[in-house]
Amino acid sequence: WVSNLGAPWLCHHYVGNQQETQWCQASPFEDGWEFKYTGGVQSLCGPCWCCKRQAMLAEAPTMPEWALAPAPTTTKAPEPAVAMQGPLLIGGMPKTYLAGTGGGVEGARLTVKHNAGWTVFAEREDSWEPANIQEFLLLGKTIVYTVDLSKVDCACNLAVYLISMPAVDMAGNPSAGTNRGGQPAYYCDANMVGGQWCPEIDIMEANNHAFQATLHRCDPPINMHY
């Protein structure tokens, strides 16, 4: 089965233990339907978190004889193991964990060193699992934090920002990306740093001389892909 881009997305109502077993995330195609888990963010089917649309059968193309020769075997290098720290205690949220290097977590305190970066996860794993990236449901809510910029001097930028991670490919599936330029798997932002686009809100870009916040604009996505 393959995606039928002309078919409308509909709500899927869970059956049995599908919701508890995260069935929607793990079953992209079944019984002639394509399923997509949106987590309630930019949902393709209104208020539902699990959407579905009719799929279509993939047609096998006619291949010339020269193309039927066995292709050379290639092995994709695995993603490096993730160094998780935490939990980071964020009021109003369950436990969250941070993946990255250059700093540390102590209770509700996060220390960020120069040239370091952190990604927030909902679960502690040894690998980059896109379904475990923490989703912040902030509509109608407030973020409050205290930051010490005393050691962040001129020409340095301590940034706190939100992105629509994980990145999604044109088929609507999580995309780890290639040629990421040092960025982690599934990273994306509004400047295509790491090779993939997605919405970005810069809550803070600051040092002890300046402070800026930026709302980045994105074109409408196609199948959740920017």
C-alpha atoms as a PDB file:
ATOM      1  CA  TRP A   1       0.000   0.000   0.000  1.00  0.00           C
ATOM      2  CA  VAL A   2       1.092   3.577  -0.711  1.00  0.00           C
ATOM      3  CA  SER A   3      -0.237   7.028   0.146  1.00  0.00           C
ATOM      4  CA  ASN A   4      -3.225   8.294  -1.810  1.00  0.00           C
ATOM      5  CA  LEU A   5      -2.518  12.025  -1.695  1.00  0.00           C
ATOM      6  CA  GLY A   6      -5.976  12.880  -3.064  1.00  0.00           C
ATOM      7  CA  ALA A   7      -7.894  11.075  -0.314  1.00  0.00           C
ATOM      8  CA  PRO A   8      -9.202  13.128   2.624  1.00  0.00           C
ATOM      9  CA  TRP A   9      -8.013  12.475   6.158  1.00  0.00           C
ATOM     10  CA  LEU A  10     -10.659  11.146   8.568  1.00  0.00           C
ATOM     11  CA  CYS A  11     -10.759  10.527  12.319  1.00  0.00           C
ATOM     12  CA  HIS A  12      -9.834   6.998  13.406  1.00  0.00           C
ATOM     13  CA  HIS A  13     -11.610   5.797  16.523  1.00  0.00           C
ATOM     14  CA  TYR A  14      -9.467   3.395  18.534  1.00  0.00           C
ATOM     15  CA  VAL A  15     -10.583  -0.217  18.843  1.00  0.00           C
ATOM     16  CA  GLY A  16      -9.619  -2.468  21.744  1.00  0.00           C
ATOM     17  CA  ASN A  17      -6.217  -1.571  23.187  1.00  0.00           C
ATOM     18  CA  GLN A  18      -4.961   0.380  20.159  1.00  0.00           C
ATOM     19  CA  GLN A  19      -4.543   3.597  22.148  1.00  0.00           C
ATOM     20  CA  GLU A  20      -2.641   1.972  25.024  1.00  0.00           C
ATOM     21  CA  THR A  21      -0.242   0.141  22.681  1.00  0.00           C
ATOM     22  CA  GLN A  22       0.509   3.234  20.543  1.00  0.00           C
ATOM     23  CA  TRP A  23      -0.879   1.324  17.585  1.00  0.00           C
ATOM     24  CA  CYS A  24      -1.446   4.442  15.462  1.00  0.00           C
ATOM     25  CA  GLN A  25       2.268   5.377  15.548  1.00  0.00           C
ATOM     26  CA  ALA A  26       3.372   1.854  14.621  1.00  0.00           C
ATOM     27  CA  SER A  27       0.851   1.016  11.858  1.00  0.00           C
ATOM     28  CA  PRO A  28       1.187   3.383   8.888  1.00  0.00           C
ATOM     29  CA  PHE A  29      -0.822   1.073   6.562  1.00  0.00           C
ATOM     30  CA  GLU A  30      -3.405  -1.595   7.344  1.00  0.00           C
ATOM     31  CA  ASP A  31      -6.368  -3.114   5.456  1.00  0.00           C
ATOM     32  CA  GLY A  32      -6.294  -0.508   2.692  1.00  0.00           C
ATOM     33  CA  TRP A  33      -5.979   2.492   5.019  1.00  0.00           C
ATOM     34  CA  GLU A  34      -3.101   4.813   5.817  1.00  0.00           C
ATOM     35  CA  PHE A  35      -2.864   5.943   9.450  1.00  0.00           C
ATOM     36  CA  LYS A  36      -1.106   9.029  10.838  1.00  0.00           C
ATOM     37  CA  TYR A  37      -0.559   9.953  14.488  1.00  0.00           C
ATOM     38  CA  THR A  38      -0.389  13.746  14.938  1.00  0.00           C
ATOM     39  CA  GLY A  39      -0.386  14.048  18.708  1.00  0.00           C
ATOM     40  CA  GLY A  40      -3.040  16.735  18.461  1.00  0.00           C
ATOM     41  CA  VAL A  41      -0.629  19.255  16.884  1.00  0.00           C
ATOM     42  CA  GLN A  42      -1.596  20.496  13.403  1.00  0.00           C
ATOM     43  CA  SER A  43      -3.975  17.567  13.149  1.00  0.00           C
ATOM     44  CA  LEU A  44      -4.955  16.472   9.672  1.00  0.00           C
ATOM     45  CA  CYS A  45      -8.427  15.406  10.792  1.00  0.00           C
ATOM     46  CA  GLY A  46      -9.811  17.997  13.163  1.00  0.00           C
ATOM     47  CA  PRO A  47      -9.827  17.123  16.870  1.00  0.00           C
ATOM     48  CA  CYS A  48      -8.518  13.565  16.481  1.00  0.00           C
ATOM     49  CA  TRP A  49      -4.963  12.533  17.208  1.00  0.00           C
ATOM     50  CA  CYS A  50      -5.068   9.411  15.005  1.00  0.00           C
ATOM     51  CA  CYS A  51      -6.081  10.129  11.407  1.00  0.00           C
ATOM     52  CA  LYS A  52      -6.709   7.775   8.499  1.00  0.00           C
ATOM     53  CA  ARG A  53      -7.294   7.940   4.755  1.00  0.00           C
ATOM     54  CA  GLN A  54      -7.831   5.335   2.071  1.00  0.00           C
ATOM     55  CA  ALA A  55      -4.572   4.091   0.579  1.00  0.00           C
ATOM     56  CA  MET A  56      -3.963   2.662  -2.859  1.00  0.00           C
ATOM     57  CA  LEU A  57      -2.140  -0.433  -4.048  1.00  0.00           C
ATOM     58  CA  ALA A  58       1.425   0.074  -5.169  1.00  0.00           C
ATOM     59  CA  GLU A  59       1.973  -0.959  -8.759  1.00  0.00           C
ATOM     60  CA  ALA A  60       5.204  -2.745  -9.489  1.00  0.00           C
ATOM     61  CA  PRO A  61       6.987  -0.963 -12.374  1.00  0.00           C
ATOM     62  CA  THR A  62       8.290  -2.938 -15.353  1.00  0.00           C
ATOM     63  CA  MET A  63      12.038  -3.097 -14.968  1.00  0.00           C
ATOM     64  CA  PRO A  64      14.605  -3.661 -17.750  1.00  0.00           C
ATOM     65  CA  GLU A  65      16.711  -6.786 -17.407  1.00  0.00           C
ATOM     66  CA  TRP A  66      19.834  -4.831 -16.544  1.00  0.00           C
ATOM     67  CA  ALA A  67      18.023  -3.343 -13.547  1.00  0.00           C
ATOM     68  CA  LEU A  68      17.102  -6.759 -12.157  1.00  0.00           C
ATOM     69  CA  ALA A  69      20.678  -7.536 -11.123  1.00  0.00           C
ATOM     70  CA  PRO A  70      21.128  -7.699  -7.328  1.00  0.00           C
ATOM     71  CA  ALA A  71      21.972  -4.306  -5.902  1.00  0.00           C
ATOM     72  CA  PRO A  72      25.061  -3.990  -3.757  1.00  0.00           C
ATOM     73  CA  THR A  73      24.362  -4.409  -0.072  1.00  0.00           C
ATOM     74  CA  THR A  74      24.683  -1.230   1.944  1.00  0.00           C
ATOM     75  CA  THR A  75      24.369  -0.858   5.681  1.00  0.00           C
ATOM     76  CA  LYS A  76      23.106   2.383   7.171  1.00  0.00           C
ATOM     77  CA  ALA A  77      25.195   3.492  10.084  1.00  0.00           C
ATOM     78  CA  PRO A  78      23.148   3.484  13.301  1.00  0.00           C
ATOM     79  CA  GLU A  79      22.461   6.736  15.091  1.00  0.00           C
ATOM     80  CA  PRO A  80      24.892   7.301  17.974  1.00  0.00           C
ATOM     81  CA  ALA A  81      23.694   6.472  21.445  1.00  0.00           C
ATOM     82  CA  VAL A  82      21.940   9.268  23.291  1.00  0.00           C
ATOM     83  CA  ALA A  83      23.326  10.636  26.544  1.00  0.00           C
ATOM     84  CA  MET A  84      20.185  11.402  28.550  1.00  0.00           C
ATOM     85  CA  GLN A  85      20.115  13.527  31.695  1.00  0.00           C
ATOM     86  CA  GLY A  86      17.327  14.234  34.099  1.00  0.00           C
ATOM     87  CA  PRO A  87      14.592  14.258  34.938  1.00  0.00           C
ATOM     88  CA  LEU A  88      14.326  18.025  34.509  1.00  0.00           C
ATOM     89  CA  LEU A  89      11.542  19.185  36.795  1.00  0.00           C
ATOM     90  CA  ILE A  90       9.176  21.493  34.890  1.00  0.00           C
ATOM     91  CA  GLY A  91       6.132  22.670  36.818  1.00  0.00           C
ATOM     92  CA  GLY A  92       2.819  21.555  35.347  1.00  0.00           C
ATOM     93  CA  MET A  93       4.392  18.746  33.312  1.00  0.00           C
ATOM     94  CA  PRO A  94       5.334  15.099  33.884  1.00  0.00           C
ATOM     95  CA  LYS A  95       8.983  14.106  34.046  1.00  0.00           C
ATOM     96  CA  THR A  96      11.088  15.246  31.107  1.00  0.00           C
ATOM     97  CA  TYR A  97      14.581  14.217  30.105  1.00  0.00           C
ATOM     98  CA  LEU A  98      17.232  16.044  28.100  1.00  0.00           C
ATOM     99  CA  ALA A  99      19.466  14.644  25.381  1.00  0.00           C
ATOM    100  CA  GLY A 100      22.675  16.442  24.562  1.00  0.00           C
ATOM    101  CA  THR A 101      26.062  17.374  25.911  1.00  0.00           C
ATOM    102  CA  GLY A 102      27.691  20.405  27.460  1.00  0.00           C
ATOM    103  CA  GLY A 103      26.029  21.091  30.784  1.00  0.00           C
ATOM    104  CA  GLY A 104      23.882  19.283  33.266  1.00  0.00           C
ATOM    105  CA  VAL A 105      20.525  18.903  34.982  1.00  0.00           C
ATOM    106  CA  GLU A 106      19.895  19.221  38.702  1.00  0.00           C
ATOM    107  CA  GLY A 107      16.237  19.204  39.696  1.00  0.00           C
ATOM    108  CA  ALA A 108      14.646  22.217  38.004  1.00  0.00           C
ATOM    109  CA  ARG A 109      18.021  23.749  37.111  1.00  0.00           C
ATOM    110  CA  LEU A 110      19.622  23.359  33.654  1.00  0.00           C
ATOM    111  CA  THR A 111      23.194  24.472  32.996  1.00  0.00           C
ATOM    112  CA  VAL A 112      24.138  25.081  29.359  1.00  0.00           C
ATOM    113  CA  LYS A 113      27.797  25.418  28.357  1.00  0.00           C
ATOM    114  CA  HIS A 114      29.241  27.107  25.286  1.00  0.00           C
ATOM    115  CA  ASN A 115      28.371  25.444  21.947  1.00  0.00           C
ATOM    116  CA  ALA A 116      25.999  23.027  23.694  1.00  0.00           C
ATOM    117  CA  GLY A 117      22.420  22.106  22.843  1.00  0.00           C
ATOM    118  CA  TRP A 118      19.625  20.097  24.418  1.00  0.00           C
ATOM    119  CA  THR A 119      16.478  18.347  23.172  1.00  0.00           C
ATOM    120  CA  VAL A 120      13.626  17.600  25.595  1.00  0.00           C
ATOM    121  CA  PHE A 121      12.219  14.050  25.677  1.00  0.00           C
ATOM    122  CA  ALA A 122       9.242  12.547  27.467  1.00  0.00           C
ATOM    123  CA  GLU A 123      10.935   9.165  27.931  1.00  0.00           C
ATOM    124  CA  ARG A 124      14.466   8.130  28.820  1.00  0.00           C
ATOM    125  CA  GLU A 125      15.880   5.990  26.001  1.00  0.00           C
ATOM    126  CA  ASP A 126      19.305   5.084  24.634  1.00  0.00           C
ATOM    127  CA  SER A 127      18.393   6.078  21.068  1.00  0.00           C
ATOM    128  CA  TRP A 128      16.612   8.906  19.251  1.00  0.00           C
ATOM    129  CA  GLU A 129      12.963   7.863  19.195  1.00  0.00           C
ATOM    130  CA  PRO A 130      10.832  10.499  17.425  1.00  0.00           C
ATOM    131  CA  ALA A 131       7.673   9.478  19.300  1.00  0.00           C
ATOM    132  CA  ASN A 132       9.390  10.302  22.615  1.00  0.00           C
ATOM    133  CA  ILE A 133      10.310  13.907  21.805  1.00  0.00           C
ATOM    134  CA  GLN A 134       8.453  16.041  24.337  1.00  0.00           C
ATOM    135  CA  GLU A 135       5.430  17.904  23.004  1.00  0.00           C
ATOM    136  CA  PHE A 136       4.632  21.181  24.754  1.00  0.00           C
ATOM    137  CA  LEU A 137       0.898  21.949  24.609  1.00  0.00           C
ATOM    138  CA  LEU A 138       1.072  25.679  25.288  1.00  0.00           C
ATOM    139  CA  LEU A 139      -2.077  27.149  23.783  1.00  0.00           C
ATOM    140  CA  GLY A 140      -3.662  29.352  26.457  1.00  0.00           C
ATOM    141  CA  LYS A 141      -0.767  28.692  28.863  1.00  0.00           C
ATOM    142  CA  THR A 142       2.345  30.523  30.053  1.00  0.00           C
ATOM    143  CA  ILE A 143       6.047  29.675  30.196  1.00  0.00           C
ATOM    144  CA  VAL A 144       7.883  31.145  33.175  1.00  0.00           C
ATOM    145  CA  TYR A 145      11.609  30.676  33.788  1.00  0.00           C
ATOM    146  CA  THR A 146      14.557  32.432  35.381  1.00  0.00           C
ATOM    147  CA  VAL A 147      17.825  32.686  33.456  1.00  0.00           C
ATOM    148  CA  ASP A 148      21.306  33.756  34.518  1.00  0.00           C
ATOM    149  CA  LEU A 149      23.004  35.611  31.633  1.00  0.00           C
ATOM    150  CA  SER A 150      25.894  36.995  33.670  1.00  0.00           C
ATOM    151  CA  LYS A 151      28.436  34.741  31.910  1.00  0.00           C
ATOM    152  CA  VAL A 152      26.902  35.032  28.419  1.00  0.00           C
ATOM    153  CA  ASP A 153      28.915  37.926  27.013  1.00  0.00           C
ATOM    154  CA  CYS A 154      28.986  39.864  23.744  1.00  0.00           C
ATOM    155  CA  ALA A 155      28.859  37.784  20.512  1.00  0.00           C
ATOM    156  CA  CYS A 156      27.340  34.821  22.379  1.00  0.00           C
ATOM    157  CA  ASN A 157      23.705  33.717  22.165  1.00  0.00           C
ATOM    158  CA  LEU A 158      21.847  31.700  24.761  1.00  0.00           C
ATOM    159  CA  ALA A 159      18.714  30.543  22.955  1.00  0.00           C
ATOM    160  CA  VAL A 160      15.479  28.999  24.183  1.00  0.00           C
ATOM    161  CA  TYR A 161      13.258  28.048  21.265  1.00  0.00           C
ATOM    162  CA  LEU A 162      10.434  25.763  20.190  1.00  0.00           C
ATOM    163  CA  ILE A 163      10.446  23.769  16.947  1.00  0.00           C
ATOM    164  CA  SER A 164       8.000  21.321  15.382  1.00  0.00           C
ATOM    165  CA  MET A 165      10.325  18.367  15.890  1.00  0.00           C
ATOM    166  CA  PRO A 166      10.474  15.603  14.673  1.00  0.00           C
ATOM    167  CA  ALA A 167      11.002  16.588  11.061  1.00  0.00           C
ATOM    168  CA  VAL A 168       8.634  14.898   8.598  1.00  0.00           C
ATOM    169  CA  ASP A 169       9.389  13.696   5.060  1.00  0.00           C
ATOM    170  CA  MET A 170       7.140  14.135   2.011  1.00  0.00           C
ATOM    171  CA  ALA A 171       5.305  10.892   2.837  1.00  0.00           C
ATOM    172  CA  GLY A 172       4.414  12.265   6.267  1.00  0.00           C
ATOM    173  CA  ASN A 173       6.818  10.035   8.212  1.00  0.00           C
ATOM    174  CA  PRO A 174       9.418  11.125  10.803  1.00  0.00           C
ATOM    175  CA  SER A 175      12.685  11.951   9.025  1.00  0.00           C
ATOM    176  CA  ALA A 176      16.054  11.579  10.763  1.00  0.00           C
ATOM    177  CA  GLY A 177      17.625  13.609   7.944  1.00  0.00           C
ATOM    178  CA  THR A 178      20.992  13.357   6.213  1.00  0.00           C
ATOM    179  CA  ASN A 179      23.993  15.682   6.153  1.00  0.00           C
ATOM    180  CA  ARG A 180      22.704  17.285   9.333  1.00  0.00           C
ATOM    181  CA  GLY A 181      25.801  19.368  10.008  1.00  0.00           C
ATOM    182  CA  GLY A 182      26.112  18.204  13.604  1.00  0.00           C
ATOM    183  CA  GLN A 183      22.416  18.528  14.468  1.00  0.00           C
ATOM    184  CA  PRO A 184      20.651  15.569  16.157  1.00  0.00           C
ATOM    185  CA  ALA A 185      18.388  13.129  14.355  1.00  0.00           C
ATOM    186  CA  TYR A 186      14.919  14.454  13.432  1.00  0.00           C
ATOM    187  CA  TYR A 187      16.026  18.063  13.929  1.00  0.00           C
ATOM    188  CA  CYS A 188      14.405  20.854  11.911  1.00  0.00           C
ATOM    189  CA  ASP A 189      13.912  24.608  12.174  1.00  0.00           C
ATOM    190  CA  ALA A 190      12.790  27.659  10.221  1.00  0.00           C
ATOM    191  CA  ASN A 191      16.276  28.294   8.801  1.00  0.00           C
ATOM    192  CA  MET A 192      16.783  24.728   7.543  1.00  0.00           C
ATOM    193  CA  VAL A 193      19.744  24.250   9.868  1.00  0.00           C
ATOM    194  CA  GLY A 194      20.558  20.555   9.591  1.00  0.00           C
ATOM    195  CA  GLY A 195      18.785  20.277   6.238  1.00  0.00           C
ATOM    196  CA  GLN A 196      15.093  20.160   7.195  1.00  0.00           C
ATOM    197  CA  TRP A 197      12.396  22.840   7.540  1.00  0.00           C
ATOM    198  CA  CYS A 198       9.748  23.247  10.247  1.00  0.00           C
ATOM    199  CA  PRO A 199       8.094  26.035  12.278  1.00  0.00           C
ATOM    200  CA  GLU A 200      10.207  27.746  14.932  1.00  0.00           C
ATOM    201  CA  ILE A 201       9.481  30.178  17.755  1.00  0.00           C
ATOM    202  CA  ASP A 202      12.522  31.784  19.361  1.00  0.00           C
ATOM    203  CA  ILE A 203      11.402  32.571  22.901  1.00  0.00           C
ATOM    204  CA  MET A 204      14.792  33.977  23.828  1.00  0.00           C
ATOM    205  CA  GLU A 205      18.012  34.786  21.982  1.00  0.00           C
ATOM    206  CA  ALA A 206      20.069  36.698  24.488  1.00  0.00           C
ATOM    207  CA  ASN A 207      23.301  37.616  26.210  1.00  0.00           C
ATOM    208  CA  ASN A 208      24.033  40.118  28.950  1.00  0.00           C
ATOM    209  CA  HIS A 209      23.815  42.978  26.421  1.00  0.00           C
ATOM    210  CA  ALA A 210      20.703  42.144  24.369  1.00  0.00           C
ATOM    211  CA  PHE A 211      17.475  40.120  24.282  1.00  0.00           C
ATOM    212  CA  GLN A 212      15.361  39.188  21.260  1.00  0.00           C
ATOM    213  CA  ALA A 213      12.325  36.990  20.567  1.00  0.00           C
ATOM    214  CA  THR A 214      11.348  35.948  17.024  1.00  0.00           C
ATOM    215  CA  LEU A 215       8.290  34.274  15.512  1.00  0.00           C
ATOM    216  CA  HIS A 216       9.369  32.596  12.251  1.00  0.00           C
ATOM    217  CA  ARG A 217       6.900  32.263   9.401  1.00  0.00           C
ATOM    218  CA  CYS A 218       6.435  29.015   7.437  1.00  0.00           C
ATOM    219  CA  ASP A 219       4.525  28.177   4.268  1.00  0.00           C
ATOM    220  CA  PRO A 220       1.610  25.735   4.754  1.00  0.00           C
ATOM    221  CA  PRO A 221       2.827  22.104   4.957  1.00  0.00           C
ATOM    222  CA  ILE A 222       1.870  19.310   2.577  1.00  0.00           C
ATOM    223  CA  ASN A 223       1.176  16.072   4.435  1.00  0.00           C
ATOM    224  CA  MET A 224       2.862  17.618   7.532  1.00  0.00           C
ATOM    225  CA  HIS A 225       6.043  18.181   5.453  1.00  0.00           C
ATOM    226  CA  TYR A 226       7.534  21.677   5.248  1.00  0.00           C
END
